[in-house]
């Protein structure tokens, strides 16, 4: 069975407190909304304390075209992705030359050759490594990347896969977009990277002391006719955010049924799951998870902790949650449900078990 050997994260150096973010939002949006004070309460209700960005705060007060933003994306995505990857490999007792497959997930910039090719050169990986770049998965990307990596090592049990997720959401900010979606994005999103090392059954386990989690099952699901729920609109100024207020309602309406169906296929009812590792899309999204699955706030504390300290970083965020959960030892046989939602409108579920 595929196993997660190690997880590591990285964030850029520029830290922005939520109070400062709210002041910036007032500056950008007050002329567009007469009721700006009411709208800005989203910041105090966000349960976010701070976020990190690859550019300093004064960068957001200047005009930047798509070409400039994308050059910055390529530069910082490579550097931040390499930082997370190196940290992950060190924790897993592996070197870059041990990796057989490199998966790279991102949705906040464009690069050809893709960033995984740059990481291959930067980290000194083998030239015969398999590369799988995945773009456009948004907030579901970290979970989907884990699932695709597990499928690779399930097919090739003697091999190792390294998943790297990088998002630089701050670089997508468009100053002249005065939509409510952009206001919400200004409150929620931050920058970050995460990496996970996944091995097949035939790879020698060595003498590792840390917990390893097996991925016993995964499942993708896409809601029909929901293309407008979230995503990007490509404009001359860059990637304009599409972000529907209906996301919590979609979760409440059908998430429980989908999860019950997924767990039934694994012969693991919800009552046997003790770890809930959800992508924290926002405070309302976490509340919708809790309501749909009849969970206490404590059950999603790792997701809430990540949201508070980093905001929503899109694809790597759920790996931040996974890393935090590993700081609290899993019992042998303990089960966890990892889940994320993204454009499509799509979900990805993974059933994890400590071994």
Protein backbone atom coordinates (compact mmCIF):
# COMPACT_ATOMS: atom_id res chain seq x y z
CA UNK A 1 0.00 0.00 0.00
CA UNK A 2 1.41 3.51 -0.79
CA UNK A 3 2.77 5.29 2.27
CA UNK A 4 3.44 8.93 3.11
CA UNK A 5 6.94 9.00 4.55
CA UNK A 6 7.37 12.73 5.22
CA UNK A 7 5.72 16.11 4.73
CA UNK A 8 7.31 19.55 4.88
CA UNK A 9 6.19 23.13 4.26
CA UNK A 10 7.67 26.53 3.47
CA UNK A 11 6.37 30.10 3.40
CA UNK A 12 7.93 33.29 2.00
CA UNK A 13 9.46 35.90 4.28
CA UNK A 14 6.96 38.75 4.04
CA UNK A 15 4.34 38.45 6.80
CA UNK A 16 1.14 40.48 6.81
CA UNK A 17 -1.14 40.71 9.84
CA UNK A 18 -4.87 40.53 9.16
CA UNK A 19 -5.39 44.03 10.57
CA UNK A 20 -2.96 45.41 7.98
CA UNK A 21 -4.74 43.43 5.26
CA UNK A 22 -8.04 45.00 6.27
CA UNK A 23 -6.54 48.48 6.06
CA UNK A 24 -5.26 47.70 2.57
CA UNK A 25 -8.66 46.41 1.51
CA UNK A 26 -10.31 49.59 2.76
CA UNK A 27 -7.90 51.62 0.63
CA UNK A 28 -8.61 49.58 -2.51
CA UNK A 29 -12.36 49.01 -2.20
CA UNK A 30 -13.87 51.94 -0.27
CA UNK A 31 -14.77 53.91 -3.42
CA UNK A 32 -16.55 50.89 -4.94
CA UNK A 33 -18.74 50.02 -1.93
CA UNK A 34 -20.66 52.61 0.10
CA UNK A 35 -21.15 49.92 2.78
CA UNK A 36 -17.43 49.16 3.01
CA UNK A 37 -17.47 48.99 6.83
CA UNK A 38 -20.03 46.19 6.72
CA UNK A 39 -18.09 44.29 4.07
CA UNK A 40 -14.83 44.59 5.95
CA UNK A 41 -16.24 42.58 8.84
CA UNK A 42 -15.25 39.56 6.74
CA UNK A 43 -11.70 40.17 8.00
CA UNK A 44 -12.61 40.02 11.68
CA UNK A 45 -14.77 36.93 11.06
CA UNK A 46 -12.13 35.14 8.97
CA UNK A 47 -10.34 33.51 11.94
CA UNK A 48 -7.07 34.40 10.17
CA UNK A 49 -4.32 36.06 12.20
CA UNK A 50 -1.67 36.53 9.51
CA UNK A 51 -0.53 35.42 6.06
CA UNK A 52 2.73 35.26 4.11
CA UNK A 53 3.56 36.67 0.68
CA UNK A 54 6.54 36.56 -1.65
CA UNK A 55 6.34 40.33 -2.18
CA UNK A 56 6.26 43.10 0.47
CA UNK A 57 3.06 44.99 1.26
CA UNK A 58 3.98 48.11 -0.73
CA UNK A 59 4.13 45.99 -3.92
CA UNK A 60 0.34 45.68 -3.89
CA UNK A 61 -0.10 49.46 -4.11
CA UNK A 62 1.53 49.63 -7.55
CA UNK A 63 0.26 48.56 -10.98
CA UNK A 64 1.71 45.28 -12.32
CA UNK A 65 0.98 43.59 -15.62
CA UNK A 66 0.51 39.89 -16.14
CA UNK A 67 3.96 39.42 -17.68
CA UNK A 68 5.68 40.94 -14.64
CA UNK A 69 3.55 38.95 -12.21
CA UNK A 70 4.31 35.74 -14.05
CA UNK A 71 8.06 36.38 -14.10
CA UNK A 72 7.88 36.78 -10.32
CA UNK A 73 5.81 33.61 -10.10
CA UNK A 74 8.43 31.53 -11.94
CA UNK A 75 11.25 32.91 -9.80
CA UNK A 76 9.58 32.50 -6.42
CA UNK A 77 7.74 29.25 -7.17
CA UNK A 78 11.02 27.56 -8.02
CA UNK A 79 12.77 28.86 -4.90
CA UNK A 80 9.93 28.15 -2.47
CA UNK A 81 9.18 24.76 -4.00
CA UNK A 82 12.85 23.77 -3.70
CA UNK A 83 12.87 24.81 -0.04
CA UNK A 84 9.87 22.62 0.78
CA UNK A 85 11.23 19.72 -1.29
CA UNK A 86 14.65 19.71 0.37
CA UNK A 87 13.11 19.86 3.82
CA UNK A 88 10.77 16.99 2.98
CA UNK A 89 13.54 14.79 1.60
CA UNK A 90 15.72 15.41 4.66
CA UNK A 91 12.86 14.41 6.97
CA UNK A 92 12.27 11.28 4.93
CA UNK A 93 15.93 10.24 4.87
CA UNK A 94 16.10 10.43 1.07
CA UNK A 95 18.14 12.37 -1.45
CA UNK A 96 16.99 14.01 -4.70
CA UNK A 97 18.59 11.19 -6.68
CA UNK A 98 16.31 8.66 -4.94
CA UNK A 99 13.15 10.14 -6.47
CA UNK A 100 11.61 8.35 -9.46
CA UNK A 101 8.63 10.64 -10.07
CA UNK A 102 8.23 14.38 -9.44
CA UNK A 103 4.69 15.77 -9.34
CA UNK A 104 4.26 19.54 -9.34
CA UNK A 105 0.94 21.20 -8.53
CA UNK A 106 0.12 24.88 -8.98
CA UNK A 107 -2.57 27.20 -10.37
CA UNK A 108 -1.29 30.74 -9.74
CA UNK A 109 1.14 31.16 -12.63
CA UNK A 110 2.29 29.72 -15.94
CA UNK A 111 5.61 28.21 -16.94
CA UNK A 112 6.86 26.19 -19.91
CA UNK A 113 9.10 24.32 -19.20
CA UNK A 114 6.99 23.66 -16.13
CA UNK A 115 8.37 24.37 -12.66
CA UNK A 116 9.13 20.67 -12.07
CA UNK A 117 11.78 20.84 -14.82
CA UNK A 118 13.38 23.77 -13.02
CA UNK A 119 13.27 21.87 -9.72
CA UNK A 120 14.88 18.86 -11.38
CA UNK A 121 17.87 21.00 -12.34
CA UNK A 122 17.99 22.99 -9.12
CA UNK A 123 17.89 19.92 -6.84
CA UNK A 124 20.12 17.69 -8.96
CA UNK A 125 17.55 15.00 -9.63
CA UNK A 126 18.16 12.15 -12.06
CA UNK A 127 17.58 12.99 -15.74
CA UNK A 128 15.38 9.90 -16.16
CA UNK A 129 12.87 11.02 -13.53
CA UNK A 130 9.18 10.95 -14.50
CA UNK A 131 7.61 14.41 -14.37
CA UNK A 132 3.90 15.08 -13.84
CA UNK A 133 2.92 18.77 -13.78
CA UNK A 134 -0.69 19.36 -12.69
CA UNK A 135 -2.27 22.78 -13.30
CA UNK A 136 -5.69 24.30 -12.64
CA UNK A 137 -6.71 22.17 -9.66
CA UNK A 138 -6.84 25.13 -7.28
CA UNK A 139 -7.60 24.36 -3.64
CA UNK A 140 -8.10 20.66 -4.40
CA UNK A 141 -4.60 20.34 -5.86
CA UNK A 142 -2.75 19.14 -2.76
CA UNK A 143 -5.18 16.28 -2.14
CA UNK A 144 -5.34 15.41 -5.84
CA UNK A 145 -1.55 15.43 -6.06
CA UNK A 146 -1.34 13.01 -3.13
CA UNK A 147 -3.86 10.75 -4.82
CA UNK A 148 -2.04 10.75 -8.17
CA UNK A 149 1.31 10.12 -6.42
CA UNK A 150 -0.16 7.19 -4.52
CA UNK A 151 -1.51 5.74 -7.77
CA UNK A 152 1.95 6.01 -9.32
CA UNK A 153 3.71 4.09 -6.54
CA UNK A 154 0.85 1.60 -6.36
CA UNK A 155 1.57 0.82 -10.04
CA UNK A 156 5.34 0.87 -9.42
CA UNK A 157 5.75 -0.30 -5.80
CA UNK A 158 9.55 -0.17 -5.93
CA UNK A 159 9.56 3.58 -6.63
CA UNK A 160 9.41 6.88 -4.76
CA UNK A 161 7.36 9.93 -5.73
CA UNK A 162 7.84 13.49 -4.54
CA UNK A 163 4.85 15.84 -4.61
CA UNK A 164 5.53 19.59 -4.56
CA UNK A 165 2.69 22.12 -4.34
CA UNK A 166 3.36 25.87 -4.68
CA UNK A 167 0.88 28.73 -4.84
CA UNK A 168 1.66 32.45 -4.92
CA UNK A 169 -1.87 33.76 -4.58
CA UNK A 170 -0.70 37.28 -3.77
CA UNK A 171 0.73 37.69 -7.25
CA UNK A 172 -2.74 37.28 -8.75
CA UNK A 173 -4.08 40.43 -7.04
CA UNK A 174 -5.57 42.89 -9.55
CA UNK A 175 -5.79 46.45 -8.20
CA UNK A 176 -8.58 47.58 -10.53
CA UNK A 177 -10.80 44.56 -9.85
CA UNK A 178 -13.37 46.01 -7.44
CA UNK A 179 -15.54 42.89 -7.28
CA UNK A 180 -16.70 41.32 -4.03
CA UNK A 181 -14.90 38.14 -5.08
CA UNK A 182 -11.62 40.03 -5.12
CA UNK A 183 -12.40 41.59 -1.76
CA UNK A 184 -12.98 38.13 -0.28
CA UNK A 185 -9.78 36.85 -1.93
CA UNK A 186 -7.88 39.78 -0.39
CA UNK A 187 -9.06 38.55 3.01
CA UNK A 188 -8.41 34.83 2.56
CA UNK A 189 -5.48 33.93 0.35
CA UNK A 190 -1.75 33.73 1.04
CA UNK A 191 1.41 32.21 -0.41
CA UNK A 192 3.03 28.90 0.53
CA UNK A 193 4.57 25.62 -0.57
CA UNK A 194 4.49 22.05 0.66
CA UNK A 195 6.04 18.72 -0.31
CA UNK A 196 5.27 15.10 0.46
CA UNK A 197 7.36 11.97 -0.07
CA UNK A 198 5.35 8.90 -1.06
CA UNK A 199 6.82 5.41 -1.40
CA UNK A 200 5.61 2.10 -2.75
CA UNK A 201 5.40 -1.10 -0.72
CA UNK A 202 8.57 -2.59 -2.17
CA UNK A 203 10.81 0.32 -1.08
CA UNK A 204 12.81 -0.71 2.02
CA UNK A 205 11.45 1.10 5.06
CA UNK A 206 14.75 1.41 6.91
CA UNK A 207 14.73 2.39 10.57
CA UNK A 208 12.51 5.46 10.60
CA UNK A 209 11.12 6.57 13.93
CA UNK A 210 8.40 8.88 12.61
CA UNK A 211 4.83 7.88 11.87
CA UNK A 212 4.10 6.70 8.34
CA UNK A 213 0.63 6.88 6.89
CA UNK A 214 -0.68 4.49 4.28
CA UNK A 215 -3.05 5.77 1.61
CA UNK A 216 -5.62 3.01 1.46
CA UNK A 217 -8.08 4.66 -0.91
CA UNK A 218 -8.75 7.89 -2.81
CA UNK A 219 -11.61 9.21 -4.89
CA UNK A 220 -12.26 12.20 -7.15
CA UNK A 221 -15.72 13.61 -7.72
CA UNK A 222 -16.84 16.52 -9.90
CA UNK A 223 -20.24 18.15 -9.51
CA UNK A 224 -21.99 18.57 -12.91
CA UNK A 225 -22.72 22.10 -14.14
CA UNK A 226 -20.65 23.86 -11.47
CA UNK A 227 -17.90 25.36 -13.64
CA UNK A 228 -18.65 28.86 -12.37
CA UNK A 229 -18.18 28.09 -8.66
CA UNK A 230 -14.46 28.90 -8.52
CA UNK A 231 -11.52 29.40 -10.83
CA UNK A 232 -9.72 32.07 -12.86
CA UNK A 233 -10.68 34.38 -15.69
CA UNK A 234 -7.56 35.21 -17.71
CA UNK A 235 -7.43 38.99 -18.30
CA UNK A 236 -4.82 41.44 -19.56
CA UNK A 237 -4.07 42.28 -15.92
CA UNK A 238 -3.64 38.65 -14.89
CA UNK A 239 -5.69 35.91 -13.27
CA UNK A 240 -9.01 37.34 -12.06
CA UNK A 241 -10.56 35.32 -9.26
CA UNK A 242 -13.93 33.58 -9.57
CA UNK A 243 -15.22 32.72 -6.11
CA UNK A 244 -18.85 31.82 -5.41
CA UNK A 245 -20.60 32.42 -2.12
CA UNK A 246 -22.46 29.13 -2.71
CA UNK A 247 -19.51 26.91 -1.69
CA UNK A 248 -20.66 26.32 1.93
CA UNK A 249 -24.16 25.50 0.66
CA UNK A 250 -22.76 22.98 -1.83
CA UNK A 251 -20.83 21.33 0.99
CA UNK A 252 -23.89 21.16 3.22
CA UNK A 253 -26.09 19.77 0.45
CA UNK A 254 -24.05 16.80 -0.72
CA UNK A 255 -20.73 16.37 1.09
CA UNK A 256 -21.98 13.89 3.72
CA UNK A 257 -23.52 11.63 1.10
CA UNK A 258 -20.33 11.69 -0.98
CA UNK A 259 -18.08 10.94 2.00
CA UNK A 260 -20.32 8.15 3.28
CA UNK A 261 -20.27 6.57 -0.17
CA UNK A 262 -16.47 6.88 -0.36
CA UNK A 263 -15.91 5.37 3.10
CA UNK A 264 -18.37 2.54 2.43
CA UNK A 265 -16.23 1.46 -0.52
CA UNK A 266 -13.29 1.23 1.90
CA UNK A 267 -15.38 -0.61 4.52
CA UNK A 268 -14.51 2.18 6.97
CA UNK A 269 -17.56 3.99 8.40
CA UNK A 270 -17.24 7.58 9.54
CA UNK A 271 -17.38 6.41 13.16
CA UNK A 272 -13.97 4.73 12.69
CA UNK A 273 -12.30 7.95 11.48
CA UNK A 274 -10.64 9.97 14.24
CA UNK A 275 -8.53 12.45 12.25
CA UNK A 276 -10.19 14.98 9.93
CA UNK A 277 -7.72 16.79 7.70
CA UNK A 278 -9.75 19.24 5.64
CA UNK A 279 -8.50 21.97 3.37
CA UNK A 280 -9.49 25.14 5.28
CA UNK A 281 -10.96 27.15 2.43
CA UNK A 282 -12.27 29.60 5.01
CA UNK A 283 -14.05 29.73 8.35
CA UNK A 284 -17.45 29.18 6.70
CA UNK A 285 -16.12 26.19 4.77
CA UNK A 286 -14.83 24.57 7.97
CA UNK A 287 -18.16 25.24 9.68
CA UNK A 288 -19.93 23.61 6.73
CA UNK A 289 -17.70 20.52 7.06
CA UNK A 290 -18.50 20.33 10.76
CA UNK A 291 -22.24 20.66 10.17
CA UNK A 292 -22.33 18.17 7.29
CA UNK A 293 -20.43 15.49 9.23
CA UNK A 294 -21.75 16.35 12.71
CA UNK A 295 -18.26 17.14 14.01
CA UNK A 296 -17.12 19.32 16.88
CA UNK A 297 -14.84 22.30 16.32
CA UNK A 298 -12.08 20.30 17.99
CA UNK A 299 -12.27 17.64 15.30
CA UNK A 300 -11.03 20.13 12.70
CA UNK A 301 -8.55 21.93 14.97
CA UNK A 302 -5.54 21.25 12.72
CA UNK A 303 -7.31 22.87 9.78
CA UNK A 304 -8.34 25.82 11.96
CA UNK A 305 -4.77 26.23 13.22
CA UNK A 306 -3.42 26.39 9.67
CA UNK A 307 -6.11 28.84 8.57
CA UNK A 308 -5.31 31.11 11.52
CA UNK A 309 -1.55 31.21 10.92
CA UNK A 310 -1.36 31.09 7.10
CA UNK A 311 -4.79 31.74 5.57
CA UNK A 312 -5.88 29.78 2.51
CA UNK A 313 -2.82 29.08 0.33
CA UNK A 314 -4.81 27.03 -2.18
CA UNK A 315 -3.26 23.65 -3.11
CA UNK A 316 -0.52 23.26 -0.43
CA UNK A 317 -2.80 24.16 2.46
CA UNK A 318 -4.11 20.66 3.11
CA UNK A 319 -0.50 19.43 3.30
CA UNK A 320 0.12 22.05 6.00
CA UNK A 321 -2.79 20.46 7.85
CA UNK A 322 -1.31 17.00 7.32
CA UNK A 323 2.09 18.15 8.59
CA UNK A 324 0.49 19.64 11.71
CA UNK A 325 -1.40 16.40 12.40
CA UNK A 326 1.88 14.46 12.25
CA UNK A 327 3.21 16.62 15.08
CA UNK A 328 0.68 14.76 17.25
CA UNK A 329 1.53 11.03 17.03
CA UNK A 330 -0.98 8.76 15.35
CA UNK A 331 -1.82 5.46 17.00
CA UNK A 332 -1.18 2.31 15.00
CA UNK A 333 -4.29 1.59 12.97
CA UNK A 334 -5.75 5.07 13.49
CA UNK A 335 -7.67 6.33 10.44
CA UNK A 336 -7.83 9.80 8.97
CA UNK A 337 -9.90 11.44 6.25
CA UNK A 338 -8.11 14.02 4.11
CA UNK A 339 -10.35 16.13 1.88
CA UNK A 340 -10.20 19.21 -0.32
CA UNK A 341 -12.49 21.03 -2.74
CA UNK A 342 -11.54 22.94 -5.87
CA UNK A 343 -12.50 24.17 -9.33
CA UNK A 344 -14.64 21.91 -11.38
CA UNK A 345 -16.42 22.04 -8.86
CA UNK A 346 -14.51 19.03 -7.52
CA UNK A 347 -13.64 17.12 -4.39
CA UNK A 348 -10.82 14.73 -3.53
CA UNK A 349 -11.01 12.33 -0.59
CA UNK A 350 -8.18 10.15 0.78
CA UNK A 351 -8.41 7.56 3.53
CA UNK A 352 -5.22 7.40 5.59
CA UNK A 353 -4.15 4.84 8.18
CA UNK A 354 -1.18 4.92 10.57
CA UNK A 355 1.26 2.03 10.36
